[in-house]
N, C-alpha and C. Protein backbone atom coordinates (compact mmCIF):
# COMPACT_ATOMS: atom_id res chain seq x y z
N MET A 1 105.34 -4.47 -77.42
CA MET A 1 105.78 -5.76 -77.91
C MET A 1 106.06 -6.68 -76.73
N THR A 2 105.62 -7.90 -76.87
CA THR A 2 105.81 -8.88 -75.81
C THR A 2 106.70 -10.01 -76.33
N VAL A 3 107.71 -10.31 -75.57
CA VAL A 3 108.59 -11.42 -75.92
C VAL A 3 108.62 -12.40 -74.76
N THR A 4 108.82 -13.66 -75.07
CA THR A 4 108.95 -14.66 -74.01
C THR A 4 110.35 -14.55 -73.40
N SER A 5 110.53 -15.16 -72.26
CA SER A 5 111.86 -15.14 -71.64
C SER A 5 112.87 -15.88 -72.51
N ASN A 6 112.43 -16.91 -73.22
CA ASN A 6 113.32 -17.63 -74.14
C ASN A 6 113.75 -16.73 -75.29
N GLU A 7 112.82 -15.98 -75.86
CA GLU A 7 113.15 -15.04 -76.94
C GLU A 7 114.10 -13.95 -76.44
N LEU A 8 113.88 -13.50 -75.22
CA LEU A 8 114.75 -12.49 -74.61
C LEU A 8 116.18 -13.03 -74.50
N ALA A 9 116.31 -14.27 -74.05
CA ALA A 9 117.63 -14.89 -73.93
C ALA A 9 118.31 -15.00 -75.30
N ARG A 10 117.54 -15.33 -76.32
CA ARG A 10 118.08 -15.44 -77.68
C ARG A 10 118.56 -14.08 -78.21
N ILE A 11 117.77 -13.04 -77.99
CA ILE A 11 118.16 -11.70 -78.42
C ILE A 11 119.47 -11.29 -77.76
N ALA A 12 119.55 -11.51 -76.46
CA ALA A 12 120.76 -11.13 -75.71
C ALA A 12 121.97 -11.96 -76.15
N ALA A 13 121.77 -13.25 -76.38
CA ALA A 13 122.89 -14.11 -76.81
C ALA A 13 123.41 -13.69 -78.17
N HIS A 14 122.51 -13.38 -79.08
CA HIS A 14 122.94 -12.94 -80.42
C HIS A 14 123.66 -11.59 -80.35
N ALA A 15 123.21 -10.71 -79.46
CA ALA A 15 123.88 -9.42 -79.28
C ALA A 15 125.30 -9.64 -78.76
N ALA A 16 125.46 -10.53 -77.79
CA ALA A 16 126.80 -10.83 -77.26
C ALA A 16 127.69 -11.40 -78.36
N ASP A 17 127.11 -12.28 -79.17
CA ASP A 17 127.85 -12.89 -80.27
C ASP A 17 128.29 -11.85 -81.30
N GLU A 18 127.44 -10.87 -81.56
CA GLU A 18 127.79 -9.81 -82.52
C GLU A 18 129.02 -9.03 -82.08
N LYS A 19 129.22 -8.93 -80.78
CA LYS A 19 130.40 -8.21 -80.27
C LYS A 19 131.53 -9.17 -79.92
N LYS A 20 131.45 -10.38 -80.47
CA LYS A 20 132.53 -11.37 -80.38
C LYS A 20 132.78 -11.90 -78.97
N ALA A 21 131.75 -11.89 -78.12
CA ALA A 21 131.88 -12.57 -76.83
C ALA A 21 132.10 -14.05 -77.13
N THR A 22 132.75 -14.74 -76.23
CA THR A 22 133.04 -16.17 -76.42
C THR A 22 132.37 -16.99 -75.33
N ASP A 23 132.38 -18.30 -75.52
CA ASP A 23 131.81 -19.24 -74.55
C ASP A 23 130.41 -18.80 -74.11
N ILE A 24 129.57 -18.47 -75.08
CA ILE A 24 128.22 -18.01 -74.78
C ILE A 24 127.36 -19.21 -74.44
N VAL A 25 126.79 -19.18 -73.25
CA VAL A 25 125.98 -20.28 -72.74
C VAL A 25 124.68 -19.71 -72.22
N VAL A 26 123.57 -20.35 -72.57
CA VAL A 26 122.28 -20.00 -71.98
C VAL A 26 121.79 -21.22 -71.20
N LEU A 27 121.54 -21.01 -69.92
CA LEU A 27 121.07 -22.07 -69.04
C LEU A 27 119.58 -21.87 -68.77
N ASP A 28 118.82 -22.94 -68.87
CA ASP A 28 117.38 -22.93 -68.59
C ASP A 28 117.18 -23.24 -67.12
N LEU A 29 116.76 -22.24 -66.36
CA LEU A 29 116.57 -22.39 -64.92
C LEU A 29 115.10 -22.50 -64.54
N THR A 30 114.22 -22.67 -65.52
CA THR A 30 112.78 -22.63 -65.25
C THR A 30 112.35 -23.67 -64.21
N GLU A 31 113.02 -24.82 -64.20
CA GLU A 31 112.66 -25.86 -63.23
C GLU A 31 113.51 -25.81 -61.96
N LEU A 32 114.50 -24.92 -61.92
CA LEU A 32 115.46 -24.92 -60.81
C LEU A 32 115.44 -23.66 -59.95
N SER A 33 114.83 -22.59 -60.44
CA SER A 33 114.90 -21.32 -59.72
C SER A 33 113.59 -20.55 -59.84
N ASP A 34 113.24 -19.88 -58.76
CA ASP A 34 112.09 -18.98 -58.79
C ASP A 34 112.54 -17.55 -59.09
N VAL A 35 113.84 -17.33 -59.16
CA VAL A 35 114.39 -15.99 -59.34
C VAL A 35 114.32 -15.54 -60.79
N CYS A 36 114.71 -16.43 -61.72
CA CYS A 36 114.68 -16.09 -63.14
C CYS A 36 114.52 -17.37 -63.95
N ASP A 37 114.24 -17.20 -65.24
CA ASP A 37 114.05 -18.35 -66.12
C ASP A 37 115.35 -18.78 -66.80
N TYR A 38 116.20 -17.80 -67.13
CA TYR A 38 117.41 -18.10 -67.89
C TYR A 38 118.60 -17.30 -67.37
N PHE A 39 119.77 -17.91 -67.46
CA PHE A 39 121.05 -17.23 -67.30
C PHE A 39 121.70 -17.21 -68.68
N LEU A 40 122.23 -16.06 -69.06
CA LEU A 40 123.13 -15.96 -70.20
C LEU A 40 124.50 -15.69 -69.62
N ILE A 41 125.46 -16.54 -69.95
CA ILE A 41 126.83 -16.39 -69.46
C ILE A 41 127.74 -16.27 -70.67
N CYS A 42 128.61 -15.26 -70.65
CA CYS A 42 129.55 -15.09 -71.76
C CYS A 42 130.85 -14.49 -71.25
N THR A 43 131.86 -14.54 -72.10
CA THR A 43 133.19 -14.04 -71.75
C THR A 43 133.64 -13.02 -72.77
N ALA A 44 134.25 -11.96 -72.27
CA ALA A 44 134.89 -10.94 -73.11
C ALA A 44 136.38 -10.97 -72.83
N ALA A 45 137.17 -10.72 -73.85
CA ALA A 45 138.63 -10.84 -73.73
C ALA A 45 139.25 -9.78 -72.83
N ASN A 46 138.63 -8.59 -72.77
CA ASN A 46 139.20 -7.51 -71.98
C ASN A 46 138.09 -6.55 -71.55
N ALA A 47 138.43 -5.57 -70.72
CA ALA A 47 137.42 -4.66 -70.18
C ALA A 47 136.72 -3.85 -71.27
N ARG A 48 137.46 -3.46 -72.27
CA ARG A 48 136.87 -2.69 -73.37
C ARG A 48 135.81 -3.50 -74.11
N GLN A 49 136.14 -4.76 -74.38
CA GLN A 49 135.17 -5.62 -75.05
C GLN A 49 133.99 -5.92 -74.13
N LEU A 50 134.25 -6.09 -72.85
CA LEU A 50 133.18 -6.33 -71.88
C LEU A 50 132.16 -5.20 -71.93
N ASP A 51 132.63 -3.97 -71.94
CA ASP A 51 131.73 -2.82 -72.05
C ASP A 51 130.94 -2.86 -73.35
N ALA A 52 131.61 -3.19 -74.45
CA ALA A 52 130.94 -3.25 -75.75
C ALA A 52 129.87 -4.33 -75.78
N VAL A 53 130.16 -5.49 -75.19
CA VAL A 53 129.19 -6.59 -75.15
C VAL A 53 127.96 -6.16 -74.35
N ILE A 54 128.17 -5.57 -73.19
CA ILE A 54 127.05 -5.14 -72.34
C ILE A 54 126.22 -4.07 -73.05
N GLU A 55 126.88 -3.11 -73.66
CA GLU A 55 126.16 -2.05 -74.38
C GLU A 55 125.33 -2.62 -75.52
N GLU A 56 125.89 -3.59 -76.25
CA GLU A 56 125.17 -4.22 -77.37
C GLU A 56 123.95 -5.00 -76.86
N ILE A 57 124.12 -5.73 -75.79
CA ILE A 57 123.00 -6.48 -75.22
C ILE A 57 121.89 -5.51 -74.80
N GLU A 58 122.26 -4.46 -74.08
CA GLU A 58 121.25 -3.49 -73.63
C GLU A 58 120.52 -2.87 -74.82
N GLU A 59 121.27 -2.51 -75.86
CA GLU A 59 120.68 -1.88 -77.04
C GLU A 59 119.75 -2.83 -77.78
N LYS A 60 120.22 -4.04 -78.08
CA LYS A 60 119.42 -5.00 -78.84
C LYS A 60 118.17 -5.41 -78.08
N VAL A 61 118.28 -5.60 -76.78
CA VAL A 61 117.10 -5.97 -75.99
C VAL A 61 116.11 -4.81 -75.95
N ARG A 62 116.61 -3.60 -75.81
CA ARG A 62 115.72 -2.43 -75.79
C ARG A 62 114.99 -2.28 -77.12
N VAL A 63 115.72 -2.40 -78.22
CA VAL A 63 115.13 -2.21 -79.55
C VAL A 63 114.20 -3.37 -79.92
N ASN A 64 114.63 -4.61 -79.67
CA ASN A 64 113.88 -5.78 -80.13
C ASN A 64 112.84 -6.30 -79.15
N ALA A 65 112.95 -5.92 -77.88
CA ALA A 65 112.00 -6.42 -76.88
C ALA A 65 111.34 -5.29 -76.10
N GLY A 66 111.85 -4.07 -76.26
CA GLY A 66 111.27 -2.94 -75.54
C GLY A 66 111.50 -2.99 -74.04
N ILE A 67 112.60 -3.64 -73.63
CA ILE A 67 112.88 -3.84 -72.21
C ILE A 67 114.23 -3.24 -71.84
N LYS A 68 114.27 -2.59 -70.69
CA LYS A 68 115.53 -2.12 -70.12
C LYS A 68 115.81 -2.98 -68.90
N PRO A 69 117.10 -3.12 -68.54
CA PRO A 69 117.40 -3.94 -67.36
C PRO A 69 116.79 -3.34 -66.10
N LEU A 70 116.33 -4.21 -65.21
CA LEU A 70 115.81 -3.76 -63.91
C LEU A 70 116.96 -3.20 -63.08
N SER A 71 118.13 -3.81 -63.24
CA SER A 71 119.33 -3.33 -62.56
C SER A 71 120.55 -3.90 -63.27
N HIS A 72 121.68 -3.28 -63.01
CA HIS A 72 122.94 -3.87 -63.45
C HIS A 72 124.00 -3.60 -62.40
N GLU A 73 124.86 -4.59 -62.28
CA GLU A 73 125.93 -4.54 -61.29
C GLU A 73 127.25 -4.65 -62.04
N GLY A 74 128.25 -3.97 -61.53
CA GLY A 74 129.55 -3.97 -62.18
C GLY A 74 129.58 -2.86 -63.22
N ARG A 75 130.62 -2.67 -63.89
CA ARG A 75 130.90 -1.70 -64.94
C ARG A 75 132.28 -1.14 -64.67
N ALA A 76 132.66 -0.12 -65.35
CA ALA A 76 133.92 0.60 -65.14
C ALA A 76 134.99 -0.20 -64.40
N GLY A 77 135.72 -1.01 -65.14
CA GLY A 77 136.84 -1.73 -64.55
C GLY A 77 136.46 -3.03 -63.87
N ALA A 78 135.20 -3.40 -63.89
CA ALA A 78 134.77 -4.64 -63.25
C ALA A 78 135.17 -5.84 -64.11
N SER A 79 135.32 -6.99 -63.46
CA SER A 79 135.64 -8.21 -64.20
C SER A 79 134.39 -9.05 -64.43
N TRP A 80 133.25 -8.58 -63.90
CA TRP A 80 131.98 -9.30 -64.04
C TRP A 80 130.88 -8.26 -64.06
N VAL A 81 130.06 -8.27 -65.10
CA VAL A 81 128.92 -7.36 -65.18
C VAL A 81 127.66 -8.21 -65.24
N LEU A 82 126.68 -7.81 -64.44
CA LEU A 82 125.41 -8.52 -64.38
C LEU A 82 124.30 -7.59 -64.82
N LEU A 83 123.46 -8.05 -65.74
CA LEU A 83 122.26 -7.33 -66.16
C LEU A 83 121.06 -8.16 -65.74
N ASP A 84 120.15 -7.56 -64.99
CA ASP A 84 118.97 -8.26 -64.52
C ASP A 84 117.75 -7.79 -65.30
N TYR A 85 117.20 -8.68 -66.11
CA TYR A 85 115.99 -8.38 -66.88
C TYR A 85 114.77 -9.07 -66.29
N GLY A 86 114.86 -9.53 -65.06
CA GLY A 86 113.75 -10.25 -64.44
C GLY A 86 113.80 -11.72 -64.81
N SER A 87 113.26 -12.07 -65.98
CA SER A 87 113.24 -13.47 -66.39
C SER A 87 114.59 -13.94 -66.94
N LEU A 88 115.47 -13.01 -67.25
CA LEU A 88 116.80 -13.30 -67.77
C LEU A 88 117.83 -12.52 -66.96
N VAL A 89 118.88 -13.22 -66.54
CA VAL A 89 120.02 -12.55 -65.90
C VAL A 89 121.24 -12.82 -66.77
N VAL A 90 121.88 -11.73 -67.20
CA VAL A 90 123.07 -11.81 -68.05
C VAL A 90 124.30 -11.67 -67.17
N HIS A 91 125.23 -12.59 -67.33
CA HIS A 91 126.52 -12.55 -66.63
C HIS A 91 127.60 -12.46 -67.69
N ALA A 92 128.28 -11.34 -67.77
CA ALA A 92 129.39 -11.17 -68.71
C ALA A 92 130.68 -11.05 -67.90
N PHE A 93 131.63 -11.89 -68.22
CA PHE A 93 132.85 -12.00 -67.44
C PHE A 93 134.10 -11.70 -68.26
N LEU A 94 135.15 -11.29 -67.56
CA LEU A 94 136.50 -11.40 -68.10
C LEU A 94 136.94 -12.84 -67.83
N PRO A 95 137.90 -13.37 -68.58
CA PRO A 95 138.24 -14.79 -68.46
C PRO A 95 138.58 -15.26 -67.04
N GLU A 96 139.36 -14.49 -66.30
CA GLU A 96 139.77 -14.92 -64.96
C GLU A 96 138.57 -15.05 -64.03
N ALA A 97 137.65 -14.10 -64.13
CA ALA A 97 136.46 -14.12 -63.27
C ALA A 97 135.56 -15.29 -63.65
N ARG A 98 135.42 -15.55 -64.93
CA ARG A 98 134.58 -16.68 -65.38
C ARG A 98 135.14 -17.99 -64.84
N ASP A 99 136.47 -18.14 -64.93
CA ASP A 99 137.11 -19.34 -64.40
C ASP A 99 136.92 -19.46 -62.89
N TYR A 100 136.98 -18.34 -62.21
CA TYR A 100 136.87 -18.35 -60.75
C TYR A 100 135.46 -18.71 -60.28
N TYR A 101 134.45 -18.08 -60.86
CA TYR A 101 133.07 -18.28 -60.38
C TYR A 101 132.39 -19.52 -60.95
N ARG A 102 132.77 -19.95 -62.14
CA ARG A 102 132.26 -21.20 -62.74
C ARG A 102 130.75 -21.40 -62.55
N LEU A 103 129.97 -20.43 -62.99
CA LEU A 103 128.52 -20.52 -62.81
C LEU A 103 127.92 -21.75 -63.48
N GLU A 104 128.49 -22.17 -64.60
CA GLU A 104 127.96 -23.37 -65.27
C GLU A 104 128.05 -24.59 -64.36
N ARG A 105 129.10 -24.67 -63.57
CA ARG A 105 129.24 -25.80 -62.64
C ARG A 105 128.27 -25.65 -61.48
N LEU A 106 128.15 -24.43 -60.99
CA LEU A 106 127.24 -24.18 -59.87
C LEU A 106 125.81 -24.55 -60.24
N TRP A 107 125.44 -24.25 -61.48
CA TRP A 107 124.10 -24.56 -62.00
C TRP A 107 124.17 -25.74 -62.96
N GLY A 108 124.97 -26.74 -62.63
CA GLY A 108 125.23 -27.87 -63.50
C GLY A 108 124.00 -28.70 -63.86
N ASP A 109 122.94 -28.62 -63.06
CA ASP A 109 121.72 -29.37 -63.36
C ASP A 109 120.85 -28.67 -64.40
N ALA A 110 121.18 -27.44 -64.73
CA ALA A 110 120.37 -26.67 -65.68
C ALA A 110 120.66 -27.10 -67.11
N PRO A 111 119.61 -27.36 -67.87
CA PRO A 111 119.82 -27.71 -69.29
C PRO A 111 120.38 -26.52 -70.08
N LEU A 112 121.22 -26.82 -71.06
CA LEU A 112 121.72 -25.79 -71.97
C LEU A 112 120.66 -25.53 -73.03
N VAL A 113 120.56 -24.27 -73.44
CA VAL A 113 119.60 -23.88 -74.47
C VAL A 113 120.37 -23.57 -75.74
N ASP A 114 119.96 -24.17 -76.85
CA ASP A 114 120.56 -23.88 -78.14
C ASP A 114 119.89 -22.61 -78.66
N VAL A 115 120.64 -21.53 -78.72
CA VAL A 115 120.08 -20.24 -79.17
C VAL A 115 120.42 -19.97 -80.63
N GLY A 116 120.96 -20.96 -81.32
CA GLY A 116 121.18 -20.85 -82.75
C GLY A 116 122.30 -19.94 -83.18
N LEU A 117 123.36 -19.90 -82.41
CA LEU A 117 124.51 -19.09 -82.81
C LEU A 117 125.32 -19.87 -83.84
N GLU A 118 125.83 -19.16 -84.84
CA GLU A 118 126.61 -19.80 -85.89
C GLU A 118 127.86 -20.46 -85.37
N SER A 119 128.41 -19.89 -84.29
CA SER A 119 129.63 -20.45 -83.73
C SER A 119 129.39 -21.78 -83.03
N GLY A 120 128.09 -22.13 -82.87
CA GLY A 120 127.77 -23.40 -82.25
C GLY A 120 127.73 -23.33 -80.74
N GLU A 121 127.93 -22.14 -80.20
CA GLU A 121 127.91 -22.01 -78.74
C GLU A 121 126.50 -21.72 -78.27
């Protein structure tokens, strides 16, 4: 099965939403970066939820796109977990880390992508 990078971002965003991640943002980097096409940025309330969000994203992407992450950074007690899918990089944060790194500001020129979440995020 072949999915576009946009479809991959949508699958991952919906998976994060299913586990109640908040402030889910997908940034379109296609015109700004040669590294990846999209960033998915989300927040989990605590470490336990962060693990659940990451596990759900990995599972849904594997099942619906047939893709496993090329790498992941963070886990076990981390305040920021990164999943690298090549065309999509997922950044899942605890609130303090999200506030500190402010990736949306760093990539402020990137357009937001509406991934159709019911919460409107």
